[in-house]
Amino acid sequence: MKLKGSFDARRLRQREPGNWGARLAAAFSVLLATLGILLAMAGVAGLLGNYAALTELNANRPLAATLAVAGLLLLYFGVRFWRRSRIRLRRANGLNLSPHLMKKHD
């Protein structure tokens, strides 16, 4: 069968709406992970040494430890949410496949 020059295969499928919710969730989770890294670094710096910029953390060890633990938790949850939103972005909307059957790209 000969194809005409005006044939466009993209017209055969309906145009699906954009996946903005998953994109916003991915952006929020990256910000959450970044904040977690910064908090963990500040907490560890307060535990390790005497830095002039961190006078409050140097004097208060429990506060520095709390910041380090909170930063690591934020980092964990940020990476977890980011991976979940990336899977949602990459998932084909047309096929209903089980998540464990998909290729692992992340």
PDB file of N, CA and C in Angstrom:
ATOM      1  N   MET A   1       0.845  -1.171   0.000  1.00  0.00           N
ATOM      2  CA  MET A   1       0.000   0.000   0.000  1.00  0.00           C
ATOM      3  C   MET A   1       0.890   1.234   0.000  1.00  0.00           C
ATOM      4  N   LYS A   2       0.569   2.166  -0.839  1.00  0.00           N
ATOM      5  CA  LYS A   2       1.363   3.373  -0.970  1.00  0.00           C
ATOM      6  C   LYS A   2       0.819   4.453  -0.035  1.00  0.00           C
ATOM      7  N   LEU A   3       1.728   5.105   0.680  1.00  0.00           N
ATOM      8  CA  LEU A   3       1.312   6.164   1.592  1.00  0.00           C
ATOM      9  C   LEU A   3       1.364   7.503   0.871  1.00  0.00           C
ATOM     10  N   LYS A   4       0.402   8.319   1.128  1.00  0.00           N
ATOM     11  CA  LYS A   4       0.363   9.660   0.559  1.00  0.00           C
ATOM     12  C   LYS A   4       1.243  10.581   1.393  1.00  0.00           C
ATOM     13  N   GLY A   5       1.641  11.670   0.841  1.00  0.00           N
ATOM     14  CA  GLY A   5       2.482  12.628   1.561  1.00  0.00           C
ATOM     15  C   GLY A   5       1.756  13.353   2.665  1.00  0.00           C
ATOM     16  N   SER A   6       0.425  13.406   2.625  1.00  0.00           N
ATOM     17  CA  SER A   6      -0.328  14.147   3.633  1.00  0.00           C
ATOM     18  C   SER A   6      -0.736  13.271   4.818  1.00  0.00           C
ATOM     19  N   PHE A   7      -0.315  12.017   4.850  1.00  0.00           N
ATOM     20  CA  PHE A   7      -0.696  11.124   5.941  1.00  0.00           C
ATOM     21  C   PHE A   7       0.110  11.462   7.187  1.00  0.00           C
ATOM     22  N   ASP A   8      -0.571  11.588   8.300  1.00  0.00           N
ATOM     23  CA  ASP A   8       0.086  11.883   9.566  1.00  0.00           C
ATOM     24  C   ASP A   8      -0.433  10.896  10.611  1.00  0.00           C
ATOM     25  N   ALA A   9       0.449  10.046  11.112  1.00  0.00           N
ATOM     26  CA  ALA A   9       0.041   9.005  12.057  1.00  0.00           C
ATOM     27  C   ALA A   9      -0.352   9.583  13.406  1.00  0.00           C
ATOM     28  N   ARG A  10       0.126  10.765  13.736  1.00  0.00           N
ATOM     29  CA  ARG A  10      -0.208  11.362  15.032  1.00  0.00           C
ATOM     30  C   ARG A  10      -1.680  11.727  15.136  1.00  0.00           C
ATOM     31  N   ARG A  11      -2.355  11.885  14.006  1.00  0.00           N
ATOM     32  CA  ARG A  11      -3.775  12.215  14.041  1.00  0.00           C
ATOM     33  C   ARG A  11      -4.618  11.021  14.445  1.00  0.00           C
ATOM     34  N   LEU A  12      -4.087   9.828  14.384  1.00  0.00           N
ATOM     35  CA  LEU A  12      -4.859   8.642  14.716  1.00  0.00           C
ATOM     36  C   LEU A  12      -5.112   8.509  16.210  1.00  0.00           C
ATOM     37  N   ARG A  13      -4.207   9.011  17.023  1.00  0.00           N
ATOM     38  CA  ARG A  13      -4.378   8.953  18.473  1.00  0.00           C
ATOM     39  C   ARG A  13      -4.907  10.281  18.983  1.00  0.00           C
ATOM     40  N   GLN A  14      -5.733  10.205  20.002  1.00  0.00           N
ATOM     41  CA  GLN A  14      -6.231  11.429  20.591  1.00  0.00           C
ATOM     42  C   GLN A  14      -5.128  12.084  21.399  1.00  0.00           C
ATOM     43  N   ARG A  15      -5.137  13.392  21.400  1.00  0.00           N
ATOM     44  CA  ARG A  15      -4.136  14.131  22.156  1.00  0.00           C
ATOM     45  C   ARG A  15      -4.510  14.101  23.634  1.00  0.00           C
ATOM     46  N   GLU A  16      -3.567  13.655  24.454  1.00  0.00           N
ATOM     47  CA  GLU A  16      -3.818  13.541  25.880  1.00  0.00           C
ATOM     48  C   GLU A  16      -3.391  14.817  26.586  1.00  0.00           C
ATOM     49  N   PRO A  17      -4.035  15.150  27.673  1.00  0.00           N
ATOM     50  CA  PRO A  17      -3.639  16.354  28.405  1.00  0.00           C
ATOM     51  C   PRO A  17      -2.252  16.188  29.015  1.00  0.00           C
ATOM     52  N   GLY A  18      -1.584  17.309  29.246  1.00  0.00           N
ATOM     53  CA  GLY A  18      -0.247  17.276  29.826  1.00  0.00           C
ATOM     54  C   GLY A  18      -0.245  16.736  31.244  1.00  0.00           C
ATOM     55  N   ASN A  19       0.856  16.203  31.647  1.00  0.00           N
ATOM     56  CA  ASN A  19       0.984  15.588  32.958  1.00  0.00           C
ATOM     57  C   ASN A  19       1.608  16.592  33.928  1.00  0.00           C
ATOM     58  N   TRP A  20       0.945  17.741  34.124  1.00  0.00           N
ATOM     59  CA  TRP A  20       1.518  18.811  34.938  1.00  0.00           C
ATOM     60  C   TRP A  20       1.571  18.465  36.409  1.00  0.00           C
ATOM     61  N   GLY A  21       0.654  17.662  36.874  1.00  0.00           N
ATOM     62  CA  GLY A  21       0.665  17.293  38.293  1.00  0.00           C
ATOM     63  C   GLY A  21       1.912  16.519  38.668  1.00  0.00           C
ATOM     64  N   ALA A  22       2.299  15.578  37.828  1.00  0.00           N
ATOM     65  CA  ALA A  22       3.506  14.793  38.102  1.00  0.00           C
ATOM     66  C   ALA A  22       4.758  15.662  37.948  1.00  0.00           C
ATOM     67  N   ARG A  23       4.736  16.595  37.008  1.00  0.00           N
ATOM     68  CA  ARG A  23       5.896  17.490  36.854  1.00  0.00           C
ATOM     69  C   ARG A  23       6.057  18.405  38.059  1.00  0.00           C
ATOM     70  N   LEU A  24       4.955  18.944  38.556  1.00  0.00           N
ATOM     71  CA  LEU A  24       5.031  19.793  39.748  1.00  0.00           C
ATOM     72  C   LEU A  24       5.448  18.987  40.971  1.00  0.00           C
ATOM     73  N   ALA A  25       4.972  17.762  41.063  1.00  0.00           N
ATOM     74  CA  ALA A  25       5.382  16.900  42.179  1.00  0.00           C
ATOM     75  C   ALA A  25       6.876  16.594  42.099  1.00  0.00           C
ATOM     76  N   ALA A  26       7.393  16.377  40.888  1.00  0.00           N
ATOM     77  CA  ALA A  26       8.830  16.122  40.734  1.00  0.00           C
ATOM     78  C   ALA A  26       9.640  17.356  41.119  1.00  0.00           C
ATOM     79  N   ALA A  27       9.184  18.528  40.715  1.00  0.00           N
ATOM     80  CA  ALA A  27       9.905  19.759  41.063  1.00  0.00           C
ATOM     81  C   ALA A  27       9.876  19.998  42.569  1.00  0.00           C
ATOM     82  N   PHE A  28       8.725  19.780  43.196  1.00  0.00           N
ATOM     83  CA  PHE A  28       8.627  19.951  44.643  1.00  0.00           C
ATOM     84  C   PHE A  28       9.510  18.957  45.386  1.00  0.00           C
ATOM     85  N   SER A  29       9.560  17.731  44.904  1.00  0.00           N
ATOM     86  CA  SER A  29      10.373  16.728  45.588  1.00  0.00           C
ATOM     87  C   SER A  29      11.866  17.007  45.420  1.00  0.00           C
ATOM     88  N   VAL A  30      12.270  17.574  44.289  1.00  0.00           N
ATOM     89  CA  VAL A  30      13.677  17.962  44.130  1.00  0.00           C
ATOM     90  C   VAL A  30      14.023  19.097  45.084  1.00  0.00           C
ATOM     91  N   LEU A  31      13.106  20.062  45.251  1.00  0.00           N
ATOM     92  CA  LEU A  31      13.338  21.131  46.222  1.00  0.00           C
ATOM     93  C   LEU A  31      13.403  20.584  47.647  1.00  0.00           C
ATOM     94  N   LEU A  32      12.571  19.604  47.937  1.00  0.00           N
ATOM     95  CA  LEU A  32      12.581  18.980  49.257  1.00  0.00           C
ATOM     96  C   LEU A  32      13.905  18.264  49.514  1.00  0.00           C
ATOM     97  N   ALA A  33      14.405  17.552  48.505  1.00  0.00           N
ATOM     98  CA  ALA A  33      15.685  16.860  48.651  1.00  0.00           C
ATOM     99  C   ALA A  33      16.832  17.855  48.798  1.00  0.00           C
ATOM    100  N   THR A  34      16.782  18.956  48.069  1.00  0.00           N
ATOM    101  CA  THR A  34      17.827  19.980  48.175  1.00  0.00           C
ATOM    102  C   THR A  34      17.828  20.607  49.566  1.00  0.00           C
ATOM    103  N   LEU A  35      16.650  20.905  50.079  1.00  0.00           N
ATOM    104  CA  LEU A  35      16.560  21.449  51.434  1.00  0.00           C
ATOM    105  C   LEU A  35      17.082  20.435  52.449  1.00  0.00           C
ATOM    106  N   GLY A  36      16.809  19.161  52.220  1.00  0.00           N
ATOM    107  CA  GLY A  36      17.323  18.126  53.110  1.00  0.00           C
ATOM    108  C   GLY A  36      18.841  18.064  53.101  1.00  0.00           C
ATOM    109  N   ILE A  37      19.439  18.189  51.913  1.00  0.00           N
ATOM    110  CA  ILE A  37      20.908  18.186  51.824  1.00  0.00           C
ATOM    111  C   ILE A  37      21.490  19.370  52.585  1.00  0.00           C
ATOM    112  N   LEU A  38      20.893  20.548  52.394  1.00  0.00           N
ATOM    113  CA  LEU A  38      21.415  21.744  53.066  1.00  0.00           C
ATOM    114  C   LEU A  38      21.268  21.652  54.583  1.00  0.00           C
ATOM    115  N   LEU A  39      20.133  21.161  55.056  1.00  0.00           N
ATOM    116  CA  LEU A  39      19.950  21.007  56.503  1.00  0.00           C
ATOM    117  C   LEU A  39      20.901  19.969  57.085  1.00  0.00           C
ATOM    118  N   ALA A  40      21.084  18.874  56.381  1.00  0.00           N
ATOM    119  CA  ALA A  40      21.999  17.842  56.870  1.00  0.00           C
ATOM    120  C   ALA A  40      23.430  18.362  56.912  1.00  0.00           C
ATOM    121  N   MET A  41      23.822  19.119  55.892  1.00  0.00           N
ATOM    122  CA  MET A  41      25.180  19.684  55.889  1.00  0.00           C
ATOM    123  C   MET A  41      25.373  20.671  57.034  1.00  0.00           C
ATOM    124  N   ALA A  42      24.363  21.506  57.301  1.00  0.00           N
ATOM    125  CA  ALA A  42      24.466  22.457  58.402  1.00  0.00           C
ATOM    126  C   ALA A  42      24.524  21.731  59.742  1.00  0.00           C
ATOM    127  N   GLY A  43      23.721  20.690  59.901  1.00  0.00           N
ATOM    128  CA  GLY A  43      23.735  19.935  61.155  1.00  0.00           C
ATOM    129  C   GLY A  43      25.050  19.224  61.385  1.00  0.00           C
ATOM    130  N   VAL A  44      25.604  18.611  60.348  1.00  0.00           N
ATOM    131  CA  VAL A  44      26.881  17.909  60.484  1.00  0.00           C
ATOM    132  C   VAL A  44      28.015  18.905  60.729  1.00  0.00           C
ATOM    133  N   ALA A  45      27.953  20.053  60.064  1.00  0.00           N
ATOM    134  CA  ALA A  45      28.985  21.075  60.302  1.00  0.00           C
ATOM    135  C   ALA A  45      28.913  21.589  61.728  1.00  0.00           C
ATOM    136  N   GLY A  46      27.708  21.723  62.263  1.00  0.00           N
ATOM    137  CA  GLY A  46      27.572  22.145  63.654  1.00  0.00           C
ATOM    138  C   GLY A  46      28.073  21.088  64.626  1.00  0.00           C
ATOM    139  N   LEU A  47      27.955  19.825  64.275  1.00  0.00           N
ATOM    140  CA  LEU A  47      28.447  18.753  65.151  1.00  0.00           C
ATOM    141  C   LEU A  47      29.956  18.594  65.079  1.00  0.00           C
ATOM    142  N   LEU A  48      30.537  18.848  63.907  1.00  0.00           N
ATOM    143  CA  LEU A  48      31.957  18.564  63.722  1.00  0.00           C
ATOM    144  C   LEU A  48      32.903  19.642  64.216  1.00  0.00           C
ATOM    145  N   GLY A  49      32.610  20.890  63.916  1.00  0.00           N
ATOM    146  CA  GLY A  49      33.649  21.876  64.188  1.00  0.00           C
ATOM    147  C   GLY A  49      33.138  23.188  64.722  1.00  0.00           C
ATOM    148  N   ASN A  50      34.101  24.054  64.930  1.00  0.00           N
ATOM    149  CA  ASN A  50      33.814  25.391  65.433  1.00  0.00           C
ATOM    150  C   ASN A  50      33.894  26.380  64.280  1.00  0.00           C
ATOM    151  N   TYR A  51      32.796  26.551  63.605  1.00  0.00           N
ATOM    152  CA  TYR A  51      32.730  27.497  62.491  1.00  0.00           C
ATOM    153  C   TYR A  51      32.104  28.787  62.991  1.00  0.00           C
ATOM    154  N   ALA A  52      32.665  29.901  62.598  1.00  0.00           N
ATOM    155  CA  ALA A  52      32.203  31.196  63.098  1.00  0.00           C
ATOM    156  C   ALA A  52      30.772  31.500  62.643  1.00  0.00           C
ATOM    157  N   ALA A  53      30.388  31.029  61.487  1.00  0.00           N
ATOM    158  CA  ALA A  53      29.050  31.316  60.977  1.00  0.00           C
ATOM    159  C   ALA A  53      27.975  30.502  61.695  1.00  0.00           C
ATOM    160  N   LEU A  54      28.359  29.429  62.353  1.00  0.00           N
ATOM    161  CA  LEU A  54      27.392  28.555  63.019  1.00  0.00           C
ATOM    162  C   LEU A  54      27.549  28.595  64.539  1.00  0.00           C
ATOM    163  N   THR A  55      27.596  29.781  65.099  1.00  0.00           N
ATOM    164  CA  THR A  55      27.827  29.903  66.548  1.00  0.00           C
ATOM    165  C   THR A  55      26.696  29.286  67.364  1.00  0.00           C
ATOM    166  N   GLU A  56      25.464  29.443  66.914  1.00  0.00           N
ATOM    167  CA  GLU A  56      24.338  28.869  67.653  1.00  0.00           C
ATOM    168  C   GLU A  56      24.371  27.339  67.621  1.00  0.00           C
ATOM    169  N   LEU A  57      24.733  26.768  66.466  1.00  0.00           N
ATOM    170  CA  LEU A  57      24.797  25.316  66.367  1.00  0.00           C
ATOM    171  C   LEU A  57      25.994  24.737  67.123  1.00  0.00           C
ATOM    172  N   ASN A  58      27.084  25.486  67.175  1.00  0.00           N
ATOM    173  CA  ASN A  58      28.247  25.000  67.917  1.00  0.00           C
ATOM    174  C   ASN A  58      27.957  24.919  69.411  1.00  0.00           C
ATOM    175  N   ALA A  59      27.160  25.866  69.912  1.00  0.00           N
ATOM    176  CA  ALA A  59      26.847  25.883  71.343  1.00  0.00           C
ATOM    177  C   ALA A  59      25.756  24.880  71.694  1.00  0.00           C
ATOM    178  N   ASN A  60      24.921  24.520  70.756  1.00  0.00           N
ATOM    179  CA  ASN A  60      23.768  23.672  71.039  1.00  0.00           C
ATOM    180  C   ASN A  60      23.881  22.383  70.223  1.00  0.00           C
ATOM    181  N   ARG A  61      24.507  21.359  70.792  1.00  0.00           N
ATOM    182  CA  ARG A  61      24.699  20.080  70.098  1.00  0.00           C
ATOM    183  C   ARG A  61      23.390  19.353  69.779  1.00  0.00           C
ATOM    184  N   PRO A  62      22.407  19.326  70.690  1.00  0.00           N
ATOM    185  CA  PRO A  62      21.148  18.647  70.326  1.00  0.00           C
ATOM    186  C   PRO A  62      20.440  19.297  69.130  1.00  0.00           C
ATOM    187  N   LEU A  63      20.531  20.615  69.013  1.00  0.00           N
ATOM    188  CA  LEU A  63      19.940  21.297  67.864  1.00  0.00           C
ATOM    189  C   LEU A  63      20.656  20.898  66.573  1.00  0.00           C
ATOM    190  N   ALA A  64      21.972  20.795  66.621  1.00  0.00           N
ATOM    191  CA  ALA A  64      22.731  20.390  65.439  1.00  0.00           C
ATOM    192  C   ALA A  64      22.398  18.947  65.044  1.00  0.00           C
ATOM    193  N   ALA A  65      22.264  18.083  66.040  1.00  0.00           N
ATOM    194  CA  ALA A  65      21.905  16.692  65.737  1.00  0.00           C
ATOM    195  C   ALA A  65      20.490  16.596  65.174  1.00  0.00           C
ATOM    196  N   THR A  66      19.584  17.399  65.715  1.00  0.00           N
ATOM    197  CA  THR A  66      18.210  17.416  65.211  1.00  0.00           C
ATOM    198  C   THR A  66      18.171  17.906  63.770  1.00  0.00           C
ATOM    199  N   LEU A  67      18.955  18.947  63.464  1.00  0.00           N
ATOM    200  CA  LEU A  67      19.018  19.446  62.085  1.00  0.00           C
ATOM    201  C   LEU A  67      19.584  18.394  61.140  1.00  0.00           C
ATOM    202  N   ALA A  68      20.601  17.685  61.574  1.00  0.00           N
ATOM    203  CA  ALA A  68      21.204  16.656  60.722  1.00  0.00           C
ATOM    204  C   ALA A  68      20.205  15.526  60.443  1.00  0.00           C
ATOM    205  N   VAL A  69      19.495  15.082  61.471  1.00  0.00           N
ATOM    206  CA  VAL A  69      18.525  13.997  61.289  1.00  0.00           C
ATOM    207  C   VAL A  69      17.343  14.463  60.438  1.00  0.00           C
ATOM    208  N   ALA A  70      16.861  15.684  60.694  1.00  0.00           N
ATOM    209  CA  ALA A  70      15.743  16.213  59.896  1.00  0.00           C
ATOM    210  C   ALA A  70      16.159  16.389  58.430  1.00  0.00           C
ATOM    211  N   GLY A  71      17.392  16.821  58.212  1.00  0.00           N
ATOM    212  CA  GLY A  71      17.884  16.962  56.843  1.00  0.00           C
ATOM    213  C   GLY A  71      17.981  15.634  56.124  1.00  0.00           C
ATOM    214  N   LEU A  72      18.452  14.604  56.824  1.00  0.00           N
ATOM    215  CA  LEU A  72      18.521  13.277  56.200  1.00  0.00           C
ATOM    216  C   LEU A  72      17.132  12.710  55.908  1.00  0.00           C
ATOM    217  N   LEU A  73      16.176  12.969  56.799  1.00  0.00           N
ATOM    218  CA  LEU A  73      14.805  12.518  56.534  1.00  0.00           C
ATOM    219  C   LEU A  73      14.198  13.242  55.340  1.00  0.00           C
ATOM    220  N   LEU A  74      14.414  14.565  55.262  1.00  0.00           N
ATOM    221  CA  LEU A  74      13.916  15.310  54.105  1.00  0.00           C
ATOM    222  C   LEU A  74      14.564  14.829  52.815  1.00  0.00           C
ATOM    223  N   LEU A  75      15.843  14.535  52.871  1.00  0.00           N
ATOM    224  CA  LEU A  75      16.527  14.014  51.691  1.00  0.00           C
ATOM    225  C   LEU A  75      15.944  12.661  51.280  1.00  0.00           C
ATOM    226  N   TYR A  76      15.704  11.792  52.236  1.00  0.00           N
ATOM    227  CA  TYR A  76      15.138  10.473  51.938  1.00  0.00           C
ATOM    228  C   TYR A  76      13.757  10.600  51.294  1.00  0.00           C
ATOM    229  N   PHE A  77      12.878  11.394  51.915  1.00  0.00           N
ATOM    230  CA  PHE A  77      11.529  11.533  51.388  1.00  0.00           C
ATOM    231  C   PHE A  77      11.522  12.274  50.048  1.00  0.00           C
ATOM    232  N   GLY A  78      12.420  13.246  49.875  1.00  0.00           N
ATOM    233  CA  GLY A  78      12.503  13.943  48.600  1.00  0.00           C
ATOM    234  C   GLY A  78      12.909  13.029  47.461  1.00  0.00           C
ATOM    235  N   VAL A  79      13.909  12.175  47.705  1.00  0.00           N
ATOM    236  CA  VAL A  79      14.346  11.228  46.672  1.00  0.00           C
ATOM    237  C   VAL A  79      13.254  10.199  46.410  1.00  0.00           C
ATOM    238  N   ARG A  80      12.589   9.766  47.454  1.00  0.00           N
ATOM    239  CA  ARG A  80      11.507   8.784  47.303  1.00  0.00           C
ATOM    240  C   ARG A  80      10.359   9.335  46.454  1.00  0.00           C
ATOM    241  N   PHE A  81       9.919  10.567  46.766  1.00  0.00           N
ATOM    242  CA  PHE A  81       8.840  11.188  45.996  1.00  0.00           C
ATOM    243  C   PHE A  81       9.282  11.487  44.579  1.00  0.00           C
ATOM    244  N   TRP A  82      10.541  11.874  44.402  1.00  0.00           N
ATOM    245  CA  TRP A  82      11.046  12.163  43.059  1.00  0.00           C
ATOM    246  C   TRP A  82      11.031  10.912  42.195  1.00  0.00           C
ATOM    247  N   ARG A  83      11.457   9.793  42.745  1.00  0.00           N
ATOM    248  CA  ARG A  83      11.444   8.544  41.975  1.00  0.00           C
ATOM    249  C   ARG A  83      10.011   8.134  41.619  1.00  0.00           C
ATOM    250  N   ARG A  84       9.095   8.299  42.547  1.00  0.00           N
ATOM    251  CA  ARG A  84       7.698   7.957  42.277  1.00  0.00           C
ATOM    252  C   ARG A  84       7.100   8.853  41.186  1.00  0.00           C
ATOM    253  N   SER A  85       7.410  10.132  41.237  1.00  0.00           N
ATOM    254  CA  SER A  85       6.866  11.038  40.209  1.00  0.00           C
ATOM    255  C   SER A  85       7.531  10.803  38.860  1.00  0.00           C
ATOM    256  N   ARG A  86       8.809  10.422  38.836  1.00  0.00           N
ATOM    257  CA  ARG A  86       9.476  10.110  37.563  1.00  0.00           C
ATOM    258  C   ARG A  86       8.870   8.856  36.938  1.00  0.00           C
ATOM    259  N   ILE A  87       8.538   7.867  37.755  1.00  0.00           N
ATOM    260  CA  ILE A  87       7.883   6.668  37.230  1.00  0.00           C
ATOM    261  C   ILE A  87       6.522   7.035  36.656  1.00  0.00           C
ATOM    262  N   ARG A  88       5.796   7.916  37.337  1.00  0.00           N
ATOM    263  CA  ARG A  88       4.491   8.345  36.846  1.00  0.00           C
ATOM    264  C   ARG A  88       4.620   9.126  35.543  1.00  0.00           C
ATOM    265  N   LEU A  89       5.682   9.914  35.400  1.00  0.00           N
ATOM    266  CA  LEU A  89       5.898  10.660  34.161  1.00  0.00           C
ATOM    267  C   LEU A  89       6.258   9.743  33.003  1.00  0.00           C
ATOM    268  N   ARG A  90       7.023   8.698  33.255  1.00  0.00           N
ATOM    269  CA  ARG A  90       7.480   7.810  32.184  1.00  0.00           C
ATOM    270  C   ARG A  90       6.468   6.737  31.810  1.00  0.00           C
ATOM    271  N   ARG A  91       5.503   6.507  32.656  1.00  0.00           N
ATOM    272  CA  ARG A  91       4.540   5.442  32.410  1.00  0.00           C
ATOM    273  C   ARG A  91       3.676   5.802  31.204  1.00  0.00           C
ATOM    274  N   ALA A  92       3.506   4.862  30.321  1.00  0.00           N
ATOM    275  CA  ALA A  92       2.655   5.069  29.153  1.00  0.00           C
ATOM    276  C   ALA A  92       1.200   5.065  29.606  1.00  0.00           C
ATOM    277  N   ASN A  93       0.452   6.058  29.172  1.00  0.00           N
ATOM    278  CA  ASN A  93      -0.939   6.160  29.603  1.00  0.00           C
ATOM    279  C   ASN A  93      -1.845   5.189  28.854  1.00  0.00           C
ATOM    280  N   GLY A  94      -1.430   4.735  27.690  1.00  0.00           N
ATOM    281  CA  GLY A  94      -2.288   3.883  26.890  1.00  0.00           C
ATOM    282  C   GLY A  94      -2.342   2.446  27.366  1.00  0.00           C
ATOM    283  N   LEU A  95      -1.287   1.964  27.988  1.00  0.00           N
ATOM    284  CA  LEU A  95      -1.218   0.569  28.403  1.00  0.00           C
ATOM    285  C   LEU A  95      -1.304   0.468  29.913  1.00  0.00           C
ATOM    286  N   ASN A  96      -2.039  -0.494  30.385  1.00  0.00           N
ATOM    287  CA  ASN A  96      -2.150  -0.724  31.813  1.00  0.00           C
ATOM    288  C   ASN A  96      -1.229  -1.871  32.199  1.00  0.00           C
ATOM    289  N   LEU A  97       0.030  -1.542  32.401  1.00  0.00           N
ATOM    290  CA  LEU A  97       1.009  -2.549  32.795  1.00  0.00           C
ATOM    291  C   LEU A  97       1.247  -2.482  34.292  1.00  0.00           C
ATOM    292  N   SER A  98       1.559  -3.596  34.840  1.00  0.00           N
ATOM    293  CA  SER A  98       1.944  -3.625  36.235  1.00  0.00           C
ATOM    294  C   SER A  98       3.301  -2.944  36.388  1.00  0.00           C
ATOM    295  N   PRO A  99       3.532  -2.165  37.460  1.00  0.00           N
ATOM    296  CA  PRO A  99       4.800  -1.441  37.590  1.00  0.00           C
ATOM    297  C   PRO A  99       6.030  -2.341  37.609  1.00  0.00           C
ATOM    298  N   HIS A 100       5.900  -3.574  38.103  1.00  0.00           N
ATOM    299  CA  HIS A 100       7.085  -4.425  38.153  1.00  0.00           C
ATOM    300  C   HIS A 100       7.435  -4.999  36.785  1.00  0.00           C
ATOM    301  N   LEU A 101       6.559  -4.855  35.792  1.00  0.00           N
ATOM    302  CA  LEU A 101       6.871  -5.337  34.437  1.00  0.00           C
ATOM    303  C   LEU A 101       7.589  -4.290  33.594  1.00  0.00           C
ATOM    304  N   MET A 102       7.602  -3.034  34.060  1.00  0.00           N
ATOM    305  CA  MET A 102       8.249  -1.975  33.302  1.00  0.00           C
ATOM    306  C   MET A 102       9.754  -2.040  33.478  1.00  0.00           C
ATOM    307  N   LYS A 103      10.489  -1.491  32.515  1.00  0.00           N
ATOM    308  CA  LYS A 103      11.941  -1.454  32.631  1.00  0.00           C
ATOM    309  C   LYS A 103      12.332  -0.434  33.701  1.00  0.00           C
ATOM    310  N   LYS A 104      13.401  -0.729  34.368  1.00  0.00           N
ATOM    311  CA  LYS A 104      13.868   0.150  35.427  1.00  0.00           C
ATOM    312  C   LYS A 104      14.862   1.148  34.841  1.00  0.00           C
ATOM    313  N   HIS A 105      14.429   2.373  34.589  1.00  0.00           N
ATOM    314  CA  HIS A 105      15.307   3.404  34.033  1.00  0.00           C
ATOM    315  C   HIS A 105      15.819   4.359  35.101  1.00  0.00           C
ATOM    316  N   ASP A 106      15.149   4.430  36.252  1.00  0.00           N
ATOM    317  CA  ASP A 106      15.549   5.386  37.280  1.00  0.00           C
ATOM    318  C   ASP A 106      16.467   4.755  38.294  1.00  0.00           C
TER     319      ASP A 106
END
